[in-house]
């Protein structure tokens, strides 16, 4: 099952709901992560890195949803937008 939460954003930032989705059908499932599209990769010292605002946002999601998301098993996919 894939659940996509409502979000508003651009290639520079995204606003997600404060709480993760909560529904009876999701009770036995755990969040795996989130997907971030961006216009280009951020490379530092030859490795792709997550932009600082995304790190802060992710830490906030974990902090606000400790019962649902342990912060141990998440996946963050960043992918460039190709036109």
C-alpha atoms as a PDB file:
ATOM      1  CA  UNK A   1       0.000   0.000   0.000  1.00  0.00           C
ATOM      2  CA  UNK A   2       1.303   3.453  -0.847  1.00  0.00           C
ATOM      3  CA  UNK A   3      -0.216   6.479   0.840  1.00  0.00           C
ATOM      4  CA  UNK A   4       0.640   9.893  -0.521  1.00  0.00           C
ATOM      5  CA  UNK A   5      -0.169  12.705   1.850  1.00  0.00           C
ATOM      6  CA  UNK A   6      -1.354  16.095   0.603  1.00  0.00           C
ATOM      7  CA  UNK A   7       1.525  18.472   0.044  1.00  0.00           C
ATOM      8  CA  UNK A   8       2.168  21.903  -1.397  1.00  0.00           C
ATOM      9  CA  UNK A   9       5.562  22.825  -2.719  1.00  0.00           C
ATOM     10  CA  UNK A  10       8.012  23.632  -5.426  1.00  0.00           C
ATOM     11  CA  UNK A  11      11.511  22.489  -6.352  1.00  0.00           C
ATOM     12  CA  UNK A  12      12.814  24.577  -3.432  1.00  0.00           C
ATOM     13  CA  UNK A  13      10.538  23.601  -0.558  1.00  0.00           C
ATOM     14  CA  UNK A  14       7.531  21.529   0.436  1.00  0.00           C
ATOM     15  CA  UNK A  15       4.885  21.875   3.118  1.00  0.00           C
ATOM     16  CA  UNK A  16       3.575  18.616   4.517  1.00  0.00           C
ATOM     17  CA  UNK A  17       0.839  18.026   7.078  1.00  0.00           C
ATOM     18  CA  UNK A  18       2.038  18.186  10.695  1.00  0.00           C
ATOM     19  CA  UNK A  19       0.686  14.692  11.422  1.00  0.00           C
ATOM     20  CA  UNK A  20       1.129  11.533   9.382  1.00  0.00           C
ATOM     21  CA  UNK A  21      -2.010   9.935   7.889  1.00  0.00           C
ATOM     22  CA  UNK A  22      -4.130   8.110  10.476  1.00  0.00           C
ATOM     23  CA  UNK A  23      -6.766   5.633   9.312  1.00  0.00           C
ATOM     24  CA  UNK A  24      -7.956   2.169  10.387  1.00  0.00           C
ATOM     25  CA  UNK A  25      -6.592   0.650   7.157  1.00  0.00           C
ATOM     26  CA  UNK A  26      -3.112   1.960   8.014  1.00  0.00           C
ATOM     27  CA  UNK A  27      -2.971   0.633  11.600  1.00  0.00           C
ATOM     28  CA  UNK A  28      -0.617  -2.319  10.879  1.00  0.00           C
ATOM     29  CA  UNK A  29       1.622  -0.384   8.505  1.00  0.00           C
ATOM     30  CA  UNK A  30       4.620   1.823   9.099  1.00  0.00           C
ATOM     31  CA  UNK A  31       5.945   4.782   7.133  1.00  0.00           C
ATOM     32  CA  UNK A  32       8.883   3.964   4.875  1.00  0.00           C
ATOM     33  CA  UNK A  33       9.888   7.431   3.795  1.00  0.00           C
ATOM     34  CA  UNK A  34       9.193  10.210   1.366  1.00  0.00           C
ATOM     35  CA  UNK A  35      10.131  11.254  -2.150  1.00  0.00           C
ATOM     36  CA  UNK A  36      11.656  14.626  -3.000  1.00  0.00           C
ATOM     37  CA  UNK A  37      12.005  15.795  -6.580  1.00  0.00           C
ATOM     38  CA  UNK A  38      14.477  18.550  -7.283  1.00  0.00           C
ATOM     39  CA  UNK A  39      15.875  20.273 -10.386  1.00  0.00           C
ATOM     40  CA  UNK A  40      19.399  18.929  -9.856  1.00  0.00           C
ATOM     41  CA  UNK A  41      21.426  16.784  -7.500  1.00  0.00           C
ATOM     42  CA  UNK A  42      23.282  18.295  -4.561  1.00  0.00           C
ATOM     43  CA  UNK A  43      26.811  16.875  -4.621  1.00  0.00           C
ATOM     44  CA  UNK A  44      29.358  17.440  -1.856  1.00  0.00           C
ATOM     45  CA  UNK A  45      32.769  15.721  -1.820  1.00  0.00           C
ATOM     46  CA  UNK A  46      31.659  13.499  -4.693  1.00  0.00           C
ATOM     47  CA  UNK A  47      28.548  12.138  -2.939  1.00  0.00           C
ATOM     48  CA  UNK A  48      24.885  13.024  -3.288  1.00  0.00           C
ATOM     49  CA  UNK A  49      23.599  14.620  -0.092  1.00  0.00           C
ATOM     50  CA  UNK A  50      20.230  15.670   1.238  1.00  0.00           C
ATOM     51  CA  UNK A  51      19.768  19.456   1.326  1.00  0.00           C
ATOM     52  CA  UNK A  52      19.838  20.950   4.839  1.00  0.00           C
ATOM     53  CA  UNK A  53      16.170  22.112   4.767  1.00  0.00           C
ATOM     54  CA  UNK A  54      15.124  18.532   3.951  1.00  0.00           C
ATOM     55  CA  UNK A  55      17.139  17.179   6.883  1.00  0.00           C
ATOM     56  CA  UNK A  56      15.445  19.675   9.209  1.00  0.00           C
ATOM     57  CA  UNK A  57      11.986  18.849   7.802  1.00  0.00           C
ATOM     58  CA  UNK A  58      12.603  15.113   8.168  1.00  0.00           C
ATOM     59  CA  UNK A  59      13.774  15.518  11.764  1.00  0.00           C
ATOM     60  CA  UNK A  60      10.593  17.500  12.475  1.00  0.00           C
ATOM     61  CA  UNK A  61       8.403  14.764  10.973  1.00  0.00           C
ATOM     62  CA  UNK A  62      10.060  12.175  13.201  1.00  0.00           C
ATOM     63  CA  UNK A  63       9.807  14.409  16.279  1.00  0.00           C
ATOM     64  CA  UNK A  64       6.102  15.101  15.683  1.00  0.00           C
ATOM     65  CA  UNK A  65       5.246  11.437  15.000  1.00  0.00           C
ATOM     66  CA  UNK A  66       7.371   9.396  17.429  1.00  0.00           C
ATOM     67  CA  UNK A  67       4.660   6.773  17.938  1.00  0.00           C
ATOM     68  CA  UNK A  68       4.426   6.044  14.203  1.00  0.00           C
ATOM     69  CA  UNK A  69       7.955   6.621  12.979  1.00  0.00           C
ATOM     70  CA  UNK A  70      10.981   5.417  14.914  1.00  0.00           C
ATOM     71  CA  UNK A  71      13.568   7.309  12.882  1.00  0.00           C
ATOM     72  CA  UNK A  72      15.471   4.042  12.364  1.00  0.00           C
ATOM     73  CA  UNK A  73      14.103   2.615   9.098  1.00  0.00           C
ATOM     74  CA  UNK A  74      13.200   5.396   6.733  1.00  0.00           C
ATOM     75  CA  UNK A  75      13.961   5.917   3.074  1.00  0.00           C
ATOM     76  CA  UNK A  76      14.322   9.342   1.498  1.00  0.00           C
ATOM     77  CA  UNK A  77      14.475   9.324  -2.295  1.00  0.00           C
ATOM     78  CA  UNK A  78      15.722  12.440  -4.020  1.00  0.00           C
ATOM     79  CA  UNK A  79      15.484  12.516  -7.770  1.00  0.00           C
ATOM     80  CA  UNK A  80      16.155  15.225 -10.302  1.00  0.00           C
ATOM     81  CA  UNK A  81      13.269  16.439 -12.437  1.00  0.00           C
ATOM     82  CA  UNK A  82      14.073  15.799 -16.070  1.00  0.00           C
ATOM     83  CA  UNK A  83      12.322  17.784 -18.783  1.00  0.00           C
END
